[in-house]
PDB file of all heavy atoms in Angstrom:
ATOM      1  N   ARG A   1     183.345 212.050 146.417  1.00  0.00           N
ATOM      2  CA  ARG A   1     184.189 211.114 147.165  1.00  0.00           C
ATOM      3  C   ARG A   1     185.356 210.515 146.340  1.00  0.00           C
ATOM      4  O   ARG A   1     186.493 210.373 146.737  1.00  0.00           O
ATOM      5  CB  ARG A   1     183.239 209.939 147.623  1.00  0.00           C
ATOM      6  CG  ARG A   1     182.257 210.373 148.660  1.00  0.00           C
ATOM      7  CD  ARG A   1     181.501 209.166 149.349  1.00  0.00           C
ATOM      8  NE  ARG A   1     180.412 208.762 148.464  1.00  0.00           N
ATOM      9  CZ  ARG A   1     179.130 209.095 148.584  1.00  0.00           C
ATOM     10  NH1 ARG A   1     178.825 210.011 149.416  1.00  0.00           N
ATOM     11  NH2 ARG A   1     178.200 208.618 147.800  1.00  0.00           N
ATOM     12  N   LEU A   2     184.965 210.316 145.030  1.00  0.00           N
ATOM     13  CA  LEU A   2     186.080 209.782 144.097  1.00  0.00           C
ATOM     14  C   LEU A   2     187.116 210.902 143.935  1.00  0.00           C
ATOM     15  O   LEU A   2     188.302 210.587 143.916  1.00  0.00           O
ATOM     16  CB  LEU A   2     185.494 209.417 142.808  1.00  0.00           C
ATOM     17  CG  LEU A   2     186.486 208.920 141.746  1.00  0.00           C
ATOM     18  CD1 LEU A   2     187.236 207.743 142.258  1.00  0.00           C
ATOM     19  CD2 LEU A   2     185.719 208.559 140.448  1.00  0.00           C
ATOM     20  N   ARG A   3     186.738 212.113 143.783  1.00  0.00           N
ATOM     21  CA  ARG A   3     187.749 213.239 143.641  1.00  0.00           C
ATOM     22  C   ARG A   3     188.607 213.337 144.831  1.00  0.00           C
ATOM     23  O   ARG A   3     189.831 213.631 144.678  1.00  0.00           O
ATOM     24  CB  ARG A   3     187.001 214.503 143.302  1.00  0.00           C
ATOM     25  CG  ARG A   3     186.352 214.416 141.928  1.00  0.00           C
ATOM     26  CD  ARG A   3     186.118 215.907 141.374  1.00  0.00           C
ATOM     27  NE  ARG A   3     185.473 215.814 140.060  1.00  0.00           N
ATOM     28  CZ  ARG A   3     186.128 215.600 138.949  1.00  0.00           C
ATOM     29  NH1 ARG A   3     187.388 215.359 138.885  1.00  0.00           N
ATOM     30  NH2 ARG A   3     185.428 215.646 137.784  1.00  0.00           N
ATOM     31  N   ARG A   4     188.085 213.092 145.989  1.00  0.00           N
ATOM     32  CA  ARG A   4     188.918 213.184 147.179  1.00  0.00           C
ATOM     33  C   ARG A   4     189.991 212.006 147.181  1.00  0.00           C
ATOM     34  O   ARG A   4     191.128 212.230 147.628  1.00  0.00           O
ATOM     35  CB  ARG A   4     188.090 213.122 148.531  1.00  0.00           C
ATOM     36  CG  ARG A   4     187.302 214.434 148.707  1.00  0.00           C
ATOM     37  CD  ARG A   4     186.745 214.567 150.089  1.00  0.00           C
ATOM     38  NE  ARG A   4     185.642 213.631 150.320  1.00  0.00           N
ATOM     39  CZ  ARG A   4     184.372 213.918 150.043  1.00  0.00           C
ATOM     40  NH1 ARG A   4     184.006 215.052 149.475  1.00  0.00           N
ATOM     41  NH2 ARG A   4     183.387 213.030 150.335  1.00  0.00           N
ATOM     42  N   LEU A   5     189.535 210.826 146.800  1.00  0.00           N
ATOM     43  CA  LEU A   5     190.573 209.755 146.616  1.00  0.00           C
ATOM     44  C   LEU A   5     191.596 210.171 145.556  1.00  0.00           C
ATOM     45  O   LEU A   5     192.795 209.840 145.731  1.00  0.00           O
ATOM     46  CB  LEU A   5     189.920 208.414 146.256  1.00  0.00           C
ATOM     47  CG  LEU A   5     189.072 207.779 147.270  1.00  0.00           C
ATOM     48  CD1 LEU A   5     188.263 206.660 146.699  1.00  0.00           C
ATOM     49  CD2 LEU A   5     189.947 207.275 148.425  1.00  0.00           C
ATOM     50  N   MET A   6     191.211 210.717 144.440  1.00  0.00           N
ATOM     51  CA  MET A   6     192.126 211.158 143.348  1.00  0.00           C
ATOM     52  C   MET A   6     193.132 212.107 143.999  1.00  0.00           C
ATOM     53  O   MET A   6     194.339 212.175 143.573  1.00  0.00           O
ATOM     54  CB  MET A   6     191.313 211.797 142.249  1.00  0.00           C
ATOM     55  CG  MET A   6     190.532 210.826 141.435  1.00  0.00           C
ATOM     56  SD  MET A   6     189.378 211.679 140.251  1.00  0.00           S
ATOM     57  CE  MET A   6     190.638 212.393 139.150  1.00  0.00           C
ATOM     58  N   ALA A   7     192.786 212.925 144.888  1.00  0.00           N
ATOM     59  CA  ALA A   7     193.697 213.937 145.477  1.00  0.00           C
ATOM     60  C   ALA A   7     194.875 213.246 146.234  1.00  0.00           C
ATOM     61  O   ALA A   7     195.858 213.848 146.484  1.00  0.00           O
ATOM     62  CB  ALA A   7     192.934 214.897 146.406  1.00  0.00           C
ATOM     63  N   ASP A   8     194.658 212.063 146.545  1.00  0.00           N
ATOM     64  CA  ASP A   8     195.727 211.229 147.223  1.00  0.00           C
ATOM     65  C   ASP A   8     196.541 210.444 146.244  1.00  0.00           C
ATOM     66  O   ASP A   8     197.278 209.537 146.625  1.00  0.00           O
ATOM     67  CB  ASP A   8     195.121 210.303 148.268  1.00  0.00           C
ATOM     68  CG  ASP A   8     195.055 210.861 149.629  1.00  0.00           C
ATOM     69  OD1 ASP A   8     195.438 212.080 149.854  1.00  0.00           O
ATOM     70  OD2 ASP A   8     194.679 210.168 150.571  1.00  0.00           O
ATOM     71  N   GLY A   9     196.392 210.643 144.962  1.00  0.00           N
ATOM     72  CA  GLY A   9     197.064 209.912 143.956  1.00  0.00           C
ATOM     73  C   GLY A   9     196.483 208.628 143.481  1.00  0.00           C
ATOM     74  O   GLY A   9     197.187 207.746 142.904  1.00  0.00           O
ATOM     75  N   VAL A  10     195.217 208.411 143.762  1.00  0.00           N
ATOM     76  CA  VAL A  10     194.541 207.157 143.330  1.00  0.00           C
ATOM     77  C   VAL A  10     194.194 207.271 141.897  1.00  0.00           C
ATOM     78  O   VAL A  10     193.591 208.183 141.402  1.00  0.00           O
ATOM     79  CB  VAL A  10     193.291 206.973 144.196  1.00  0.00           C
ATOM     80  CG1 VAL A  10     192.429 205.841 143.634  1.00  0.00           C
ATOM     81  CG2 VAL A  10     193.633 206.665 145.634  1.00  0.00           C
ATOM     82  N   THR A  11     194.716 206.282 141.127  1.00  0.00           N
ATOM     83  CA  THR A  11     194.424 206.243 139.735  1.00  0.00           C
ATOM     84  C   THR A  11     193.523 205.085 139.287  1.00  0.00           C
ATOM     85  O   THR A  11     193.045 205.036 138.161  1.00  0.00           O
ATOM     86  CB  THR A  11     195.721 206.136 138.875  1.00  0.00           C
ATOM     87  OG1 THR A  11     196.479 205.050 139.328  1.00  0.00           O
ATOM     88  CG2 THR A  11     196.545 207.455 139.078  1.00  0.00           C
ATOM     89  N   THR A  12     193.333 204.121 140.199  1.00  0.00           N
ATOM     90  CA  THR A  12     192.438 203.023 139.950  1.00  0.00           C
ATOM     91  C   THR A  12     191.638 202.755 141.248  1.00  0.00           C
ATOM     92  O   THR A  12     192.209 202.768 142.329  1.00  0.00           O
ATOM     93  CB  THR A  12     193.220 201.702 139.643  1.00  0.00           C
ATOM     94  OG1 THR A  12     193.970 201.912 138.411  1.00  0.00           O
ATOM     95  CG2 THR A  12     192.283 200.562 139.397  1.00  0.00           C
ATOM     96  N   VAL A  13     190.317 202.447 141.061  1.00  0.00           N
ATOM     97  CA  VAL A  13     189.472 202.299 142.251  1.00  0.00           C
ATOM     98  C   VAL A  13     188.468 201.162 141.952  1.00  0.00           C
ATOM     99  O   VAL A  13     187.985 201.089 140.795  1.00  0.00           O
ATOM    100  CB  VAL A  13     188.740 203.568 142.650  1.00  0.00           C
ATOM    101  CG1 VAL A  13     187.762 204.012 141.551  1.00  0.00           C
ATOM    102  CG2 VAL A  13     187.985 203.395 143.972  1.00  0.00           C
ATOM    103  N   GLU A  14     188.245 200.356 142.948  1.00  0.00           N
ATOM    104  CA  GLU A  14     187.137 199.283 142.803  1.00  0.00           C
ATOM    105  C   GLU A  14     185.945 199.834 143.482  1.00  0.00           C
ATOM    106  O   GLU A  14     186.039 200.501 144.557  1.00  0.00           O
ATOM    107  CB  GLU A  14     187.626 198.006 143.562  1.00  0.00           C
ATOM    108  CG  GLU A  14     186.627 196.852 143.378  1.00  0.00           C
ATOM    109  CD  GLU A  14     185.782 196.677 144.684  1.00  0.00           C
ATOM    110  OE1 GLU A  14     185.803 197.562 145.512  1.00  0.00           O
ATOM    111  OE2 GLU A  14     185.205 195.662 144.755  1.00  0.00           O
ATOM    112  N   ILE A  15     184.810 199.684 142.941  1.00  0.00           N
ATOM    113  CA  ILE A  15     183.496 200.130 143.503  1.00  0.00           C
ATOM    114  C   ILE A  15     182.553 199.025 143.462  1.00  0.00           C
ATOM    115  O   ILE A  15     182.289 198.375 142.477  1.00  0.00           O
ATOM    116  CB  ILE A  15     182.938 201.359 142.651  1.00  0.00           C
ATOM    117  CG1 ILE A  15     183.933 202.490 142.620  1.00  0.00           C
ATOM    118  CG2 ILE A  15     181.649 201.783 143.291  1.00  0.00           C
ATOM    119  CD1 ILE A  15     183.462 203.603 141.794  1.00  0.00           C
ATOM    120  N   LYS A  16     182.002 198.814 144.626  1.00  0.00           N
ATOM    121  CA  LYS A  16     180.931 197.658 144.809  1.00  0.00           C
ATOM    122  C   LYS A  16     179.550 198.223 144.789  1.00  0.00           C
ATOM    123  O   LYS A  16     179.283 199.376 145.133  1.00  0.00           O
ATOM    124  CB  LYS A  16     181.180 196.984 146.219  1.00  0.00           C
ATOM    125  CG  LYS A  16     182.606 196.491 146.439  1.00  0.00           C
ATOM    126  CD  LYS A  16     182.757 195.868 147.810  1.00  0.00           C
ATOM    127  CE  LYS A  16     184.199 195.600 148.149  1.00  0.00           C
ATOM    128  NZ  LYS A  16     184.786 194.595 147.199  1.00  0.00           N
ATOM    129  N   SER A  17     178.582 197.336 144.372  1.00  0.00           N
ATOM    130  CA  SER A  17     177.248 197.607 144.652  1.00  0.00           C
ATOM    131  C   SER A  17     176.928 197.186 146.026  1.00  0.00           C
ATOM    132  O   SER A  17     177.769 197.184 146.921  1.00  0.00           O
ATOM    133  CB  SER A  17     176.346 196.964 143.616  1.00  0.00           C
ATOM    134  OG  SER A  17     176.457 195.475 143.707  1.00  0.00           O
ATOM    135  N   GLY A  18     175.708 196.760 146.304  1.00  0.00           N
ATOM    136  CA  GLY A  18     175.405 196.204 147.634  1.00  0.00           C
ATOM    137  C   GLY A  18     174.446 197.064 148.513  1.00  0.00           C
ATOM    138  O   GLY A  18     174.068 196.672 149.657  1.00  0.00           O
ATOM    139  N   TYR A  19     174.064 198.246 148.030  1.00  0.00           N
ATOM    140  CA  TYR A  19     173.079 199.039 148.765  1.00  0.00           C
ATOM    141  C   TYR A  19     171.707 199.183 148.037  1.00  0.00           C
ATOM    142  O   TYR A  19     170.925 199.988 148.339  1.00  0.00           O
ATOM    143  CB  TYR A  19     173.604 200.429 149.084  1.00  0.00           C
ATOM    144  CG  TYR A  19     174.869 200.484 149.971  1.00  0.00           C
ATOM    145  CD1 TYR A  19     175.987 201.181 149.568  1.00  0.00           C
ATOM    146  CD2 TYR A  19     174.877 199.784 151.124  1.00  0.00           C
ATOM    147  CE1 TYR A  19     177.123 201.164 150.408  1.00  0.00           C
ATOM    148  CE2 TYR A  19     175.992 199.782 151.926  1.00  0.00           C
ATOM    149  CZ  TYR A  19     177.133 200.496 151.559  1.00  0.00           C
ATOM    150  OH  TYR A  19     178.235 200.508 152.346  1.00  0.00           O
ATOM    151  N   GLY A  20     171.553 198.258 147.063  1.00  0.00           N
ATOM    152  CA  GLY A  20     170.247 198.174 146.386  1.00  0.00           C
ATOM    153  C   GLY A  20     169.476 197.018 146.819  1.00  0.00           C
ATOM    154  O   GLY A  20     168.306 197.119 147.192  1.00  0.00           O
ATOM    155  N   LEU A  21     170.126 195.842 146.776  1.00  0.00           N
ATOM    156  CA  LEU A  21     169.554 194.585 147.188  1.00  0.00           C
ATOM    157  C   LEU A  21     168.276 194.239 146.449  1.00  0.00           C
ATOM    158  O   LEU A  21     167.457 193.446 146.890  1.00  0.00           O
ATOM    159  CB  LEU A  21     169.326 194.586 148.706  1.00  0.00           C
ATOM    160  CG  LEU A  21     170.504 194.912 149.608  1.00  0.00           C
ATOM    161  CD1 LEU A  21     170.209 194.757 151.121  1.00  0.00           C
ATOM    162  CD2 LEU A  21     171.746 194.172 149.219  1.00  0.00           C
ATOM    163  N   ASN A  22     168.128 194.803 145.282  1.00  0.00           N
ATOM    164  CA  ASN A  22     167.209 194.344 144.309  1.00  0.00           C
ATOM    165  C   ASN A  22     167.826 194.547 142.882  1.00  0.00           C
ATOM    166  O   ASN A  22     168.803 195.357 142.775  1.00  0.00           O
ATOM    167  CB  ASN A  22     165.804 194.942 144.448  1.00  0.00           C
ATOM    168  CG  ASN A  22     165.834 196.470 144.202  1.00  0.00           C
ATOM    169  OD1 ASN A  22     166.518 196.959 143.341  1.00  0.00           O
ATOM    170  ND2 ASN A  22     164.958 197.175 145.010  1.00  0.00           N
ATOM    171  N   THR A  23     167.289 193.918 141.914  1.00  0.00           N
ATOM    172  CA  THR A  23     167.915 194.041 140.611  1.00  0.00           C
ATOM    173  C   THR A  23     168.052 195.415 140.078  1.00  0.00           C
ATOM    174  O   THR A  23     169.153 195.869 139.609  1.00  0.00           O
ATOM    175  CB  THR A  23     167.151 193.099 139.567  1.00  0.00           C
ATOM    176  OG1 THR A  23     167.143 191.842 140.103  1.00  0.00           O
ATOM    177  CG2 THR A  23     167.869 193.137 138.262  1.00  0.00           C
ATOM    178  N   ASP A  24     166.934 196.201 140.145  1.00  0.00           N
ATOM    179  CA  ASP A  24     166.963 197.526 139.572  1.00  0.00           C
ATOM    180  C   ASP A  24     168.063 198.448 140.183  1.00  0.00           C
ATOM    181  O   ASP A  24     168.825 199.113 139.474  1.00  0.00           O
ATOM    182  CB  ASP A  24     165.626 198.241 139.720  1.00  0.00           C
ATOM    183  CG  ASP A  24     164.556 197.546 138.721  1.00  0.00           C
ATOM    184  OD1 ASP A  24     165.023 196.807 137.809  1.00  0.00           O
ATOM    185  OD2 ASP A  24     163.354 197.851 138.964  1.00  0.00           O
ATOM    186  N   VAL A  25     168.097 198.459 141.527  1.00  0.00           N
ATOM    187  CA  VAL A  25     169.006 199.409 142.195  1.00  0.00           C
ATOM    188  C   VAL A  25     170.419 198.881 142.228  1.00  0.00           C
ATOM    189  O   VAL A  25     171.352 199.691 142.097  1.00  0.00           O
ATOM    190  CB  VAL A  25     168.452 199.758 143.603  1.00  0.00           C
ATOM    191  CG1 VAL A  25     169.295 200.854 144.297  1.00  0.00           C
ATOM    192  CG2 VAL A  25     167.049 200.170 143.588  1.00  0.00           C
ATOM    193  N   GLU A  26     170.662 197.593 142.252  1.00  0.00           N
ATOM    194  CA  GLU A  26     172.035 197.068 142.085  1.00  0.00           C
ATOM    195  C   GLU A  26     172.500 197.485 140.765  1.00  0.00           C
ATOM    196  O   GLU A  26     173.736 197.930 140.646  1.00  0.00           O
ATOM    197  CB  GLU A  26     172.021 195.571 142.317  1.00  0.00           C
ATOM    198  CG  GLU A  26     171.796 195.065 143.682  1.00  0.00           C
ATOM    199  CD  GLU A  26     172.922 195.396 144.628  1.00  0.00           C
ATOM    200  OE1 GLU A  26     174.079 194.926 144.376  1.00  0.00           O
ATOM    201  OE2 GLU A  26     172.733 196.130 145.651  1.00  0.00           O
ATOM    202  N   CYS A  27     171.825 197.325 139.713  1.00  0.00           N
ATOM    203  CA  CYS A  27     172.188 197.724 138.363  1.00  0.00           C
ATOM    204  C   CYS A  27     172.427 199.272 138.329  1.00  0.00           C
ATOM    205  O   CYS A  27     173.381 199.715 137.680  1.00  0.00           O
ATOM    206  CB  CYS A  27     171.217 197.241 137.312  1.00  0.00           C
ATOM    207  SG  CYS A  27     171.244 195.474 137.016  1.00  0.00           S
ATOM    208  N   ARG A  28     171.554 199.925 138.973  1.00  0.00           N
ATOM    209  CA  ARG A  28     171.733 201.428 138.969  1.00  0.00           C
ATOM    210  C   ARG A  28     173.061 201.859 139.583  1.00  0.00           C
ATOM    211  O   ARG A  28     173.780 202.680 139.056  1.00  0.00           O
ATOM    212  CB  ARG A  28     170.574 202.060 139.720  1.00  0.00           C
ATOM    213  CG  ARG A  28     170.524 203.598 139.789  1.00  0.00           C
ATOM    214  CD  ARG A  28     169.505 204.069 140.764  1.00  0.00           C
ATOM    215  NE  ARG A  28     168.204 203.523 140.462  1.00  0.00           N
ATOM    216  CZ  ARG A  28     167.137 203.502 141.350  1.00  0.00           C
ATOM    217  NH1 ARG A  28     167.282 204.043 142.493  1.00  0.00           N
ATOM    218  NH2 ARG A  28     166.050 202.984 140.964  1.00  0.00           N
ATOM    219  N   MET A  29     173.376 201.188 140.728  1.00  0.00           N
ATOM    220  CA  MET A  29     174.606 201.502 141.352  1.00  0.00           C
ATOM    221  C   MET A  29     175.850 201.219 140.485  1.00  0.00           C
ATOM    222  O   MET A  29     176.819 202.039 140.344  1.00  0.00           O
ATOM    223  CB  MET A  29     174.796 200.744 142.616  1.00  0.00           C
ATOM    224  CG  MET A  29     173.809 201.100 143.764  1.00  0.00           C
ATOM    225  SD  MET A  29     174.095 200.172 145.251  1.00  0.00           S
ATOM    226  CE  MET A  29     175.748 200.799 145.748  1.00  0.00           C
ATOM    227  N   LEU A  30     175.797 200.105 139.857  1.00  0.00           N
ATOM    228  CA  LEU A  30     176.914 199.712 138.937  1.00  0.00           C
ATOM    229  C   LEU A  30     177.012 200.633 137.722  1.00  0.00           C
ATOM    230  O   LEU A  30     178.093 200.890 137.260  1.00  0.00           O
ATOM    231  CB  LEU A  30     176.859 198.238 138.535  1.00  0.00           C
ATOM    232  CG  LEU A  30     176.984 197.346 139.797  1.00  0.00           C
ATOM    233  CD1 LEU A  30     176.600 195.896 139.417  1.00  0.00           C
ATOM    234  CD2 LEU A  30     178.391 197.289 140.302  1.00  0.00           C
ATOM    235  N   ARG A  31     175.868 201.114 137.207  1.00  0.00           N
ATOM    236  CA  ARG A  31     175.949 202.016 136.104  1.00  0.00           C
ATOM    237  C   ARG A  31     176.599 203.294 136.538  1.00  0.00           C
ATOM    238  O   ARG A  31     177.333 203.896 135.818  1.00  0.00           O
ATOM    239  CB  ARG A  31     174.508 202.281 135.513  1.00  0.00           C
ATOM    240  CG  ARG A  31     173.991 201.207 134.702  1.00  0.00           C
ATOM    241  CD  ARG A  31     172.704 201.617 133.898  1.00  0.00           C
ATOM    242  NE  ARG A  31     171.650 202.204 134.783  1.00  0.00           N
ATOM    243  CZ  ARG A  31     170.675 201.401 135.307  1.00  0.00           C
ATOM    244  NH1 ARG A  31     170.664 200.100 135.039  1.00  0.00           N
ATOM    245  NH2 ARG A  31     169.774 201.952 135.984  1.00  0.00           N
ATOM    246  N   VAL A  32     176.289 203.752 137.731  1.00  0.00           N
ATOM    247  CA  VAL A  32     176.842 204.952 138.304  1.00  0.00           C
ATOM    248  C   VAL A  32     178.407 204.756 138.429  1.00  0.00           C
ATOM    249  O   VAL A  32     179.197 205.681 138.031  1.00  0.00           O
ATOM    250  CB  VAL A  32     176.213 205.285 139.623  1.00  0.00           C
ATOM    251  CG1 VAL A  32     177.063 206.438 140.380  1.00  0.00           C
ATOM    252  CG2 VAL A  32     174.781 205.816 139.421  1.00  0.00           C
ATOM    253  N   ALA A  33     178.775 203.614 138.871  1.00  0.00           N
ATOM    254  CA  ALA A  33     180.252 203.344 139.026  1.00  0.00           C
ATOM    255  C   ALA A  33     180.887 203.419 137.683  1.00  0.00           C
ATOM    256  O   ALA A  33     182.002 203.989 137.494  1.00  0.00           O
ATOM    257  CB  ALA A  33     180.421 201.968 139.638  1.00  0.00           C
ATOM    258  N   ARG A  34     180.231 202.853 136.637  1.00  0.00           N
ATOM    259  CA  ARG A  34     180.835 202.972 135.246  1.00  0.00           C
ATOM    260  C   ARG A  34     180.867 204.391 134.820  1.00  0.00           C
ATOM    261  O   ARG A  34     181.811 204.812 134.184  1.00  0.00           O
ATOM    262  CB  ARG A  34     179.912 202.153 134.289  1.00  0.00           C
ATOM    263  CG  ARG A  34     180.012 200.639 134.534  1.00  0.00           C
ATOM    264  CD  ARG A  34     181.314 200.054 134.155  1.00  0.00           C
ATOM    265  NE  ARG A  34     181.249 198.555 133.950  1.00  0.00           N
ATOM    266  CZ  ARG A  34     182.160 197.694 134.291  1.00  0.00           C
ATOM    267  NH1 ARG A  34     183.255 198.125 134.860  1.00  0.00           N
ATOM    268  NH2 ARG A  34     181.976 196.361 134.079  1.00  0.00           N
ATOM    269  N   ARG A  35     179.813 205.159 135.158  1.00  0.00           N
ATOM    270  CA  ARG A  35     179.793 206.634 134.705  1.00  0.00           C
ATOM    271  C   ARG A  35     181.000 207.382 135.366  1.00  0.00           C
ATOM    272  O   ARG A  35     181.574 208.282 134.806  1.00  0.00           O
ATOM    273  CB  ARG A  35     178.474 207.240 135.156  1.00  0.00           C
ATOM    274  CG  ARG A  35     177.364 206.976 134.177  1.00  0.00           C
ATOM    275  CD  ARG A  35     176.115 207.726 134.673  1.00  0.00           C
ATOM    276  NE  ARG A  35     176.259 209.206 134.673  1.00  0.00           N
ATOM    277  CZ  ARG A  35     175.342 210.000 135.158  1.00  0.00           C
ATOM    278  NH1 ARG A  35     174.168 209.560 135.635  1.00  0.00           N
ATOM    279  NH2 ARG A  35     175.509 211.310 135.195  1.00  0.00           N
ATOM    280  N   LEU A  36     181.278 207.013 136.657  1.00  0.00           N
ATOM    281  CA  LEU A  36     182.373 207.637 137.359  1.00  0.00           C
ATOM    282  C   LEU A  36     183.688 207.420 136.629  1.00  0.00           C
ATOM    283  O   LEU A  36     184.518 208.336 136.493  1.00  0.00           O
ATOM    284  CB  LEU A  36     182.509 207.203 138.745  1.00  0.00           C
ATOM    285  CG  LEU A  36     181.346 207.524 139.764  1.00  0.00           C
ATOM    286  CD1 LEU A  36     181.463 206.793 140.995  1.00  0.00           C
ATOM    287  CD2 LEU A  36     181.400 209.073 140.005  1.00  0.00           C
ATOM    288  N   GLY A  37     183.813 206.239 136.062  1.00  0.00           N
ATOM    289  CA  GLY A  37     185.065 205.974 135.288  1.00  0.00           C
ATOM    290  C   GLY A  37     185.100 206.734 133.964  1.00  0.00           C
ATOM    291  O   GLY A  37     186.177 207.047 133.429  1.00  0.00           O
ATOM    292  N   GLU A  38     183.914 207.041 133.428  1.00  0.00           N
ATOM    293  CA  GLU A  38     183.896 207.775 132.174  1.00  0.00           C
ATOM    294  C   GLU A  38     183.992 209.219 132.393  1.00  0.00           C
ATOM    295  O   GLU A  38     184.562 209.966 131.552  1.00  0.00           O
ATOM    296  CB  GLU A  38     182.506 207.533 131.499  1.00  0.00           C
ATOM    297  CG  GLU A  38     182.337 206.087 131.014  1.00  0.00           C
ATOM    298  CD  GLU A  38     180.851 205.726 130.683  1.00  0.00           C
ATOM    299  OE1 GLU A  38     180.017 206.720 130.845  1.00  0.00           O
ATOM    300  OE2 GLU A  38     180.544 204.646 130.362  1.00  0.00           O
ATOM    301  N   ALA A  39     183.627 209.805 133.597  1.00  0.00           N
ATOM    302  CA  ALA A  39     183.646 211.185 133.872  1.00  0.00           C
ATOM    303  C   ALA A  39     185.005 211.677 134.450  1.00  0.00           C
ATOM    304  O   ALA A  39     185.224 212.815 134.550  1.00  0.00           O
ATOM    305  CB  ALA A  39     182.539 211.530 134.842  1.00  0.00           C
ATOM    306  N   THR A  40     185.808 210.722 134.827  1.00  0.00           N
ATOM    307  CA  THR A  40     187.177 210.988 135.441  1.00  0.00           C
ATOM    308  C   THR A  40     188.142 210.181 134.670  1.00  0.00           C
ATOM    309  O   THR A  40     187.833 209.266 133.985  1.00  0.00           O
ATOM    310  CB  THR A  40     187.207 210.724 136.929  1.00  0.00           C
ATOM    311  OG1 THR A  40     187.085 209.261 137.063  1.00  0.00           O
ATOM    312  CG2 THR A  40     186.022 211.401 137.644  1.00  0.00           C
ATOM    313  N   PRO A  41     189.492 210.561 134.861  1.00  0.00           N
ATOM    314  CA  PRO A  41     190.542 209.646 134.301  1.00  0.00           C
ATOM    315  C   PRO A  41     190.849 208.437 135.040  1.00  0.00           C
ATOM    316  O   PRO A  41     191.680 207.683 134.669  1.00  0.00           O
ATOM    317  CB  PRO A  41     191.713 210.629 134.184  1.00  0.00           C
ATOM    318  CG  PRO A  41     191.446 211.578 135.294  1.00  0.00           C
ATOM    319  CD  PRO A  41     190.017 211.800 135.373  1.00  0.00           C
ATOM    320  N   VAL A  42     190.151 208.213 136.150  1.00  0.00           N
ATOM    321  CA  VAL A  42     190.425 207.039 136.999  1.00  0.00           C
ATOM    322  C   VAL A  42     189.888 205.746 136.323  1.00  0.00           C
ATOM    323  O   VAL A  42     188.794 205.749 135.677  1.00  0.00           O
ATOM    324  CB  VAL A  42     189.732 207.174 138.340  1.00  0.00           C
ATOM    325  CG1 VAL A  42     189.850 205.941 139.239  1.00  0.00           C
ATOM    326  CG2 VAL A  42     190.388 208.427 139.134  1.00  0.00           C
TER     327      VAL A  42
END
């Protein structure tokens, strides 16, 4: 999904949690968001 946004010239993206609704999964989602920033130049 992020790569498809990049194909439109997106260089900065905001990513929310909100599909965990408990501490463990909310933190998991946000760690994934941080990983996406590390794995791509975005």
